[in-house]
C-alpha atoms as a PDB file:
ATOM      1  CA  UNK A   1    -108.085  53.072-129.649  1.00  0.00           C
ATOM      2  CA  UNK A   2    -105.957  55.568-127.799  1.00  0.00           C
ATOM      3  CA  UNK A   3    -106.376  59.176-128.854  1.00  0.00           C
ATOM      4  CA  UNK A   4    -105.329  60.779-125.573  1.00  0.00           C
ATOM      5  CA  UNK A   5    -103.139  63.819-125.349  1.00  0.00           C
ATOM      6  CA  UNK A   6    -100.055  61.974-124.070  1.00  0.00           C
ATOM      7  CA  UNK A   7     -98.648  61.701-127.584  1.00  0.00           C
ATOM      8  CA  UNK A   8     -95.019  61.151-128.502  1.00  0.00           C
ATOM      9  CA  UNK A   9     -93.094  63.226-131.080  1.00  0.00           C
ATOM     10  CA  UNK A  10     -94.316  63.019-134.671  1.00  0.00           C
ATOM     11  CA  UNK A  11     -91.336  60.943-135.768  1.00  0.00           C
ATOM     12  CA  UNK A  12     -92.419  58.163-133.383  1.00  0.00           C
ATOM     13  CA  UNK A  13     -96.230  58.153-133.449  1.00  0.00           C
ATOM     14  CA  UNK A  14     -98.370  58.626-136.511  1.00  0.00           C
ATOM     15  CA  UNK A  15    -101.626  60.579-136.498  1.00  0.00           C
ATOM     16  CA  UNK A  16    -103.823  57.650-137.548  1.00  0.00           C
ATOM     17  CA  UNK A  17    -104.647  55.723-140.726  1.00  0.00           C
ATOM     18  CA  UNK A  18    -105.885  58.789-142.596  1.00  0.00           C
ATOM     19  CA  UNK A  19    -102.574  60.665-142.309  1.00  0.00           C
ATOM     20  CA  UNK A  20     -99.806  58.255-143.265  1.00  0.00           C
ATOM     21  CA  UNK A  21     -96.269  59.486-143.935  1.00  0.00           C
ATOM     22  CA  UNK A  22     -94.143  57.803-146.651  1.00  0.00           C
ATOM     23  CA  UNK A  23     -91.756  56.550-143.957  1.00  0.00           C
ATOM     24  CA  UNK A  24     -92.122  55.754-140.276  1.00  0.00           C
ATOM     25  CA  UNK A  25     -89.509  55.460-137.523  1.00  0.00           C
ATOM     26  CA  UNK A  26     -89.050  52.144-135.742  1.00  0.00           C
ATOM     27  CA  UNK A  27     -89.228  52.652-131.978  1.00  0.00           C
ATOM     28  CA  UNK A  28     -86.543  49.961-131.545  1.00  0.00           C
ATOM     29  CA  UNK A  29     -83.932  50.771-134.182  1.00  0.00           C
ATOM     30  CA  UNK A  30     -84.862  54.473-134.616  1.00  0.00           C
ATOM     31  CA  UNK A  31     -84.433  53.933-138.369  1.00  0.00           C
ATOM     32  CA  UNK A  32     -87.000  55.446-140.751  1.00  0.00           C
ATOM     33  CA  UNK A  33     -88.352  52.980-143.318  1.00  0.00           C
ATOM     34  CA  UNK A  34     -91.314  52.352-145.574  1.00  0.00           C
ATOM     35  CA  UNK A  35     -94.436  51.208-143.707  1.00  0.00           C
ATOM     36  CA  UNK A  36     -94.578  48.039-145.833  1.00  0.00           C
ATOM     37  CA  UNK A  37     -91.611  46.648-143.893  1.00  0.00           C
ATOM     38  CA  UNK A  38     -93.036  47.505-140.474  1.00  0.00           C
ATOM     39  CA  UNK A  39     -95.892  46.690-138.118  1.00  0.00           C
ATOM     40  CA  UNK A  40     -98.124  49.380-136.672  1.00  0.00           C
ATOM     41  CA  UNK A  41     -99.325  49.198-133.051  1.00  0.00           C
ATOM     42  CA  UNK A  42    -102.039  51.156-131.294  1.00  0.00           C
ATOM     43  CA  UNK A  43    -102.973  51.407-127.634  1.00  0.00           C
ATOM     44  CA  UNK A  44    -106.435  50.196-126.724  1.00  0.00           C
ATOM     45  CA  UNK A  45    -108.788  51.688-124.118  1.00  0.00           C
ATOM     46  CA  UNK A  46    -107.444  49.178-121.581  1.00  0.00           C
ATOM     47  CA  UNK A  47    -103.866  50.288-122.398  1.00  0.00           C
ATOM     48  CA  UNK A  48    -103.164  46.976-124.140  1.00  0.00           C
ATOM     49  CA  UNK A  49    -100.824  47.183-127.142  1.00  0.00           C
ATOM     50  CA  UNK A  50    -102.693  45.955-130.227  1.00  0.00           C
ATOM     51  CA  UNK A  51    -100.900  44.955-133.458  1.00  0.00           C
ATOM     52  CA  UNK A  52    -102.543  46.644-136.446  1.00  0.00           C
ATOM     53  CA  UNK A  53    -101.398  44.267-139.172  1.00  0.00           C
ATOM     54  CA  UNK A  54    -103.444  45.992-141.864  1.00  0.00           C
ATOM     55  CA  UNK A  55    -102.723  49.548-140.738  1.00  0.00           C
ATOM     56  CA  UNK A  56    -106.374  50.530-140.409  1.00  0.00           C
ATOM     57  CA  UNK A  57    -107.112  50.778-136.683  1.00  0.00           C
ATOM     58  CA  UNK A  58    -107.954  54.276-135.393  1.00  0.00           C
ATOM     59  CA  UNK A  59    -105.763  56.223-133.029  1.00  0.00           C
ATOM     60  CA  UNK A  60    -102.127  57.227-132.945  1.00  0.00           C
ATOM     61  CA  UNK A  61     -99.772  54.419-133.864  1.00  0.00           C
ATOM     62  CA  UNK A  62     -96.240  53.327-133.010  1.00  0.00           C
ATOM     63  CA  UNK A  63     -94.199  51.396-135.565  1.00  0.00           C
ATOM     64  CA  UNK A  64     -91.740  48.512-135.225  1.00  0.00           C
ATOM     65  CA  UNK A  65     -89.685  46.764-137.900  1.00  0.00           C
ATOM     66  CA  UNK A  66     -91.616  43.671-138.997  1.00  0.00           C
ATOM     67  CA  UNK A  67     -89.291  41.168-137.359  1.00  0.00           C
ATOM     68  CA  UNK A  68     -89.868  38.908-134.379  1.00  0.00           C
ATOM     69  CA  UNK A  69     -86.663  40.009-132.665  1.00  0.00           C
ATOM     70  CA  UNK A  70     -87.553  43.700-133.023  1.00  0.00           C
ATOM     71  CA  UNK A  71     -91.009  43.215-131.492  1.00  0.00           C
ATOM     72  CA  UNK A  72     -89.515  41.133-128.671  1.00  0.00           C
ATOM     73  CA  UNK A  73     -86.985  43.913-127.988  1.00  0.00           C
ATOM     74  CA  UNK A  74     -89.765  46.525-127.878  1.00  0.00           C
ATOM     75  CA  UNK A  75     -91.578  44.446-125.266  1.00  0.00           C
ATOM     76  CA  UNK A  76     -88.471  43.661-123.206  1.00  0.00           C
ATOM     77  CA  UNK A  77     -87.290  47.285-123.126  1.00  0.00           C
ATOM     78  CA  UNK A  78     -90.780  48.690-122.446  1.00  0.00           C
ATOM     79  CA  UNK A  79     -90.499  50.853-125.542  1.00  0.00           C
ATOM     80  CA  UNK A  80     -94.250  50.960-126.177  1.00  0.00           C
ATOM     81  CA  UNK A  81     -94.829  52.830-122.911  1.00  0.00           C
ATOM     82  CA  UNK A  82     -92.065  55.241-123.861  1.00  0.00           C
ATOM     83  CA  UNK A  83     -93.512  55.761-127.344  1.00  0.00           C
ATOM     84  CA  UNK A  84     -97.084  56.305-126.140  1.00  0.00           C
ATOM     85  CA  UNK A  85     -95.863  58.291-123.100  1.00  0.00           C
ATOM     86  CA  UNK A  86     -98.098  56.329-120.793  1.00  0.00           C
ATOM     87  CA  UNK A  87     -99.039  52.817-119.685  1.00  0.00           C
ATOM     88  CA  UNK A  88     -98.874  50.356-122.561  1.00  0.00           C
ATOM     89  CA  UNK A  89     -99.267  46.689-121.738  1.00  0.00           C
ATOM     90  CA  UNK A  90     -97.417  44.370-124.094  1.00  0.00           C
ATOM     91  CA  UNK A  91     -96.851  40.827-122.861  1.00  0.00           C
ATOM     92  CA  UNK A  92     -94.028  38.507-123.920  1.00  0.00           C
ATOM     93  CA  UNK A  93     -96.513  36.620-126.118  1.00  0.00           C
ATOM     94  CA  UNK A  94     -96.878  39.609-128.478  1.00  0.00           C
ATOM     95  CA  UNK A  95     -94.468  38.205-131.129  1.00  0.00           C
ATOM     96  CA  UNK A  96     -96.351  34.894-131.100  1.00  0.00           C
ATOM     97  CA  UNK A  97     -99.679  36.705-131.485  1.00  0.00           C
ATOM     98  CA  UNK A  98     -98.327  38.601-134.483  1.00  0.00           C
ATOM     99  CA  UNK A  99     -96.995  35.396-136.057  1.00  0.00           C
ATOM    100  CA  UNK A 100    -100.412  33.796-135.585  1.00  0.00           C
ATOM    101  CA  UNK A 101    -102.053  36.815-137.230  1.00  0.00           C
ATOM    102  CA  UNK A 102     -99.667  36.658-140.195  1.00  0.00           C
ATOM    103  CA  UNK A 103    -100.326  32.938-140.590  1.00  0.00           C
ATOM    104  CA  UNK A 104    -104.048  33.658-140.602  1.00  0.00           C
ATOM    105  CA  UNK A 105    -103.524  36.344-143.259  1.00  0.00           C
ATOM    106  CA  UNK A 106    -101.638  33.809-145.390  1.00  0.00           C
ATOM    107  CA  UNK A 107    -104.351  31.179-144.909  1.00  0.00           C
ATOM    108  CA  UNK A 108    -107.029  33.655-145.977  1.00  0.00           C
ATOM    109  CA  UNK A 109    -104.962  34.707-148.998  1.00  0.00           C
ATOM    110  CA  UNK A 110    -104.646  31.068-150.093  1.00  0.00           C
ATOM    111  CA  UNK A 111    -108.397  30.658-149.639  1.00  0.00           C
ATOM    112  CA  UNK A 112    -109.064  33.688-151.853  1.00  0.00           C
ATOM    113  CA  UNK A 113    -106.599  32.452-154.474  1.00  0.00           C
ATOM    114  CA  UNK A 114    -108.356  29.096-154.415  1.00  0.00           C
ATOM    115  CA  UNK A 115    -111.745  30.744-155.004  1.00  0.00           C
ATOM    116  CA  UNK A 116    -110.191  32.571-157.949  1.00  0.00           C
ATOM    117  CA  UNK A 117    -109.112  29.234-159.445  1.00  0.00           C
ATOM    118  CA  UNK A 118    -105.411  29.831-158.799  1.00  0.00           C
ATOM    119  CA  UNK A 119    -104.721  26.776-156.612  1.00  0.00           C
ATOM    120  CA  UNK A 120    -104.356  23.116-157.547  1.00  0.00           C
ATOM    121  CA  UNK A 121    -104.210  20.494-154.792  1.00  0.00           C
ATOM    122  CA  UNK A 122    -103.055  16.899-154.699  1.00  0.00           C
ATOM    123  CA  UNK A 123     -99.655  15.461-155.588  1.00  0.00           C
ATOM    124  CA  UNK A 124    -100.569  14.360-159.126  1.00  0.00           C
ATOM    125  CA  UNK A 125    -102.216  17.680-159.994  1.00  0.00           C
ATOM    126  CA  UNK A 126     -99.261  19.641-158.626  1.00  0.00           C
ATOM    127  CA  UNK A 127     -96.790  17.529-160.602  1.00  0.00           C
ATOM    128  CA  UNK A 128     -98.868  17.979-163.757  1.00  0.00           C
ATOM    129  CA  UNK A 129     -99.150  21.738-163.211  1.00  0.00           C
ATOM    130  CA  UNK A 130     -95.378  22.026-162.824  1.00  0.00           C
ATOM    131  CA  UNK A 131     -94.809  20.315-166.161  1.00  0.00           C
ATOM    132  CA  UNK A 132     -97.695  21.989-167.948  1.00  0.00           C
ATOM    133  CA  UNK A 133     -98.274  25.482-169.288  1.00  0.00           C
ATOM    134  CA  UNK A 134     -97.769  28.043-167.927  1.00  0.00           C
ATOM    135  CA  UNK A 135     -96.288  26.213-164.915  1.00  0.00           C
ATOM    136  CA  UNK A 136     -96.650  27.156-161.255  1.00  0.00           C
ATOM    137  CA  UNK A 137     -95.974  30.386-159.402  1.00  0.00           C
ATOM    138  CA  UNK A 138     -95.286  28.606-156.092  1.00  0.00           C
ATOM    139  CA  UNK A 139     -95.402  25.169-154.516  1.00  0.00           C
ATOM    140  CA  UNK A 140     -97.266  24.696-151.250  1.00  0.00           C
ATOM    141  CA  UNK A 141     -96.462  21.874-148.825  1.00  0.00           C
ATOM    142  CA  UNK A 142     -98.149  21.177-145.519  1.00  0.00           C
ATOM    143  CA  UNK A 143     -95.593  21.429-142.722  1.00  0.00           C
ATOM    144  CA  UNK A 144     -96.092  17.683-142.171  1.00  0.00           C
ATOM    145  CA  UNK A 145     -95.224  16.779-145.784  1.00  0.00           C
ATOM    146  CA  UNK A 146     -92.814  13.848-145.994  1.00  0.00           C
ATOM    147  CA  UNK A 147     -89.254  14.243-147.310  1.00  0.00           C
ATOM    148  CA  UNK A 148     -90.080  11.737-150.061  1.00  0.00           C
ATOM    149  CA  UNK A 149     -93.013  13.790-151.349  1.00  0.00           C
ATOM    150  CA  UNK A 150     -90.933  16.956-151.224  1.00  0.00           C
ATOM    151  CA  UNK A 151     -88.097  15.283-153.151  1.00  0.00           C
ATOM    152  CA  UNK A 152     -90.457  14.199-155.921  1.00  0.00           C
ATOM    153  CA  UNK A 153     -91.858  17.719-156.248  1.00  0.00           C
ATOM    154  CA  UNK A 154     -88.318  19.116-156.374  1.00  0.00           C
ATOM    155  CA  UNK A 155     -87.449  16.602-159.091  1.00  0.00           C
ATOM    156  CA  UNK A 156     -90.414  17.845-161.146  1.00  0.00           C
ATOM    157  CA  UNK A 157     -89.314  21.450-160.617  1.00  0.00           C
ATOM    158  CA  UNK A 158     -85.758  20.600-161.675  1.00  0.00           C
ATOM    159  CA  UNK A 159     -86.998  18.938-164.851  1.00  0.00           C
ATOM    160  CA  UNK A 160     -88.985  22.054-165.718  1.00  0.00           C
ATOM    161  CA  UNK A 161     -86.738  24.859-164.458  1.00  0.00           C
ATOM    162  CA  UNK A 162     -83.239  23.447-164.019  1.00  0.00           C
ATOM    163  CA  UNK A 163     -80.954  25.882-162.224  1.00  0.00           C
ATOM    164  CA  UNK A 164     -83.764  28.465-162.151  1.00  0.00           C
ATOM    165  CA  UNK A 165     -85.613  26.374-159.548  1.00  0.00           C
ATOM    166  CA  UNK A 166     -84.793  28.993-156.914  1.00  0.00           C
ATOM    167  CA  UNK A 167     -87.323  31.305-158.572  1.00  0.00           C
ATOM    168  CA  UNK A 168     -90.191  29.057-157.458  1.00  0.00           C
ATOM    169  CA  UNK A 169     -91.147  29.737-153.840  1.00  0.00           C
ATOM    170  CA  UNK A 170     -91.653  26.768-151.525  1.00  0.00           C
ATOM    171  CA  UNK A 171     -94.442  27.672-149.093  1.00  0.00           C
ATOM    172  CA  UNK A 172     -94.473  25.226-146.192  1.00  0.00           C
ATOM    173  CA  UNK A 173     -95.351  27.412-143.240  1.00  0.00           C
ATOM    174  CA  UNK A 174     -98.907  26.155-142.687  1.00  0.00           C
ATOM    175  CA  UNK A 175    -100.060  22.871-141.206  1.00  0.00           C
ATOM    176  CA  UNK A 176    -102.233  20.314-142.952  1.00  0.00           C
ATOM    177  CA  UNK A 177    -105.192  21.491-140.860  1.00  0.00           C
ATOM    178  CA  UNK A 178    -104.608  25.094-141.929  1.00  0.00           C
ATOM    179  CA  UNK A 179    -104.405  24.123-145.595  1.00  0.00           C
ATOM    180  CA  UNK A 180    -107.537  21.987-145.238  1.00  0.00           C
ATOM    181  CA  UNK A 181    -109.348  25.008-143.857  1.00  0.00           C
ATOM    182  CA  UNK A 182    -108.026  27.321-146.577  1.00  0.00           C
ATOM    183  CA  UNK A 183    -108.949  25.009-149.445  1.00  0.00           C
ATOM    184  CA  UNK A 184    -112.141  23.531-148.016  1.00  0.00           C
ATOM    185  CA  UNK A 185    -111.039  19.912-148.376  1.00  0.00           C
ATOM    186  CA  UNK A 186    -109.399  17.202-146.276  1.00  0.00           C
ATOM    187  CA  UNK A 187    -105.822  15.949-146.138  1.00  0.00           C
ATOM    188  CA  UNK A 188    -104.121  18.615-148.255  1.00  0.00           C
ATOM    189  CA  UNK A 189    -100.399  17.854-148.236  1.00  0.00           C
ATOM    190  CA  UNK A 190     -99.255  19.269-151.588  1.00  0.00           C
ATOM    191  CA  UNK A 191    -100.715  22.183-153.550  1.00  0.00           C
ATOM    192  CA  UNK A 192     -99.507  24.847-155.945  1.00  0.00           C
ATOM    193  CA  UNK A 193    -100.286  28.406-156.927  1.00  0.00           C
ATOM    194  CA  UNK A 194    -100.742  29.174-160.606  1.00  0.00           C
ATOM    195  CA  UNK A 195    -100.685  32.644-162.094  1.00  0.00           C
ATOM    196  CA  UNK A 196    -103.876  34.633-161.711  1.00  0.00           C
ATOM    197  CA  UNK A 197    -105.841  36.974-159.486  1.00  0.00           C
ATOM    198  CA  UNK A 198    -104.719  36.667-155.881  1.00  0.00           C
ATOM    199  CA  UNK A 199    -101.377  34.979-156.552  1.00  0.00           C
ATOM    200  CA  UNK A 200     -99.245  38.077-155.947  1.00  0.00           C
ATOM    201  CA  UNK A 201    -101.156  38.995-152.794  1.00  0.00           C
ATOM    202  CA  UNK A 202    -100.749  35.462-151.490  1.00  0.00           C
ATOM    203  CA  UNK A 203     -96.990  35.495-152.048  1.00  0.00           C
ATOM    204  CA  UNK A 204     -96.719  38.961-150.535  1.00  0.00           C
ATOM    205  CA  UNK A 205     -98.332  37.714-147.324  1.00  0.00           C
ATOM    206  CA  UNK A 206     -96.095  34.667-147.320  1.00  0.00           C
ATOM    207  CA  UNK A 207     -92.970  36.788-147.670  1.00  0.00           C
ATOM    208  CA  UNK A 208     -94.130  39.017-144.824  1.00  0.00           C
ATOM    209  CA  UNK A 209     -94.548  36.000-142.541  1.00  0.00           C
ATOM    210  CA  UNK A 210     -91.162  34.584-143.539  1.00  0.00           C
ATOM    211  CA  UNK A 211     -89.493  37.953-143.022  1.00  0.00           C
ATOM    212  CA  UNK A 212     -91.074  38.328-139.596  1.00  0.00           C
ATOM    213  CA  UNK A 213     -89.724  34.932-138.580  1.00  0.00           C
ATOM    214  CA  UNK A 214     -86.275  35.771-139.970  1.00  0.00           C
ATOM    215  CA  UNK A 215     -86.475  32.986-142.559  1.00  0.00           C
ATOM    216  CA  UNK A 216     -85.447  32.783-146.201  1.00  0.00           C
ATOM    217  CA  UNK A 217     -87.992  33.686-148.857  1.00  0.00           C
ATOM    218  CA  UNK A 218     -88.381  33.055-152.553  1.00  0.00           C
ATOM    219  CA  UNK A 219     -85.152  34.525-153.875  1.00  0.00           C
ATOM    220  CA  UNK A 220     -82.810  32.138-152.094  1.00  0.00           C
ATOM    221  CA  UNK A 221     -81.618  28.676-153.060  1.00  0.00           C
ATOM    222  CA  UNK A 222     -83.972  25.938-151.848  1.00  0.00           C
ATOM    223  CA  UNK A 223     -83.234  24.785-148.323  1.00  0.00           C
ATOM    224  CA  UNK A 224     -82.585  20.997-148.354  1.00  0.00           C
ATOM    225  CA  UNK A 225     -84.477  20.593-145.094  1.00  0.00           C
ATOM    226  CA  UNK A 226     -87.552  22.173-146.701  1.00  0.00           C
ATOM    227  CA  UNK A 227     -87.406  20.671-150.172  1.00  0.00           C
ATOM    228  CA  UNK A 228     -86.624  17.145-149.040  1.00  0.00           C
ATOM    229  CA  UNK A 229     -83.203  17.008-150.725  1.00  0.00           C
ATOM    230  CA  UNK A 230     -81.534  15.629-147.598  1.00  0.00           C
ATOM    231  CA  UNK A 231     -78.245  13.800-147.828  1.00  0.00           C
END
């Protein structure tokens, strides 16, 4: 990745993964924030702007708030070229590429949680896990899940948690095919995370994807369109 001498001021570019400051400055908003709420970008040998979702790629990096609209603004205003003080090619598909990368991170996290025994799949098993001990840490629906199936899961959550249902995240950002791939089985429509190794990392990746897309996460009241409580 780019390590040329055309560097920007220290408050814009970092010095590489080995020298990380506690805060970085977004090249769009010019606001300093913790790296956890941002996305790092480096410039490749071909001058292409590469998202460094895990913050480990070599070379000097520019940072953008981890939101789709912020990345789109950086592309539209040619802010990567200004930050790197040289050619930096970032196409309009960059936000979509980042979203795809975050979805892949979430899929891999679910796969790891599954290997650790922290995922149950199938409507009956999910319903039983909700009512059993210790309960579920999150409910997972395929994006194609029917409103009827969602309503029944919500009913089980309400029986167990009552008004505290909003504490249970509803993860429905992945397709049936993506869940099938993550869990190594066919036709996964409903699943759930139970407490254990990998659960927190999985939810952290989910929240990052939701935040990037500007959507609600686990601390908000369930969205009727997502839970199936329509009408």
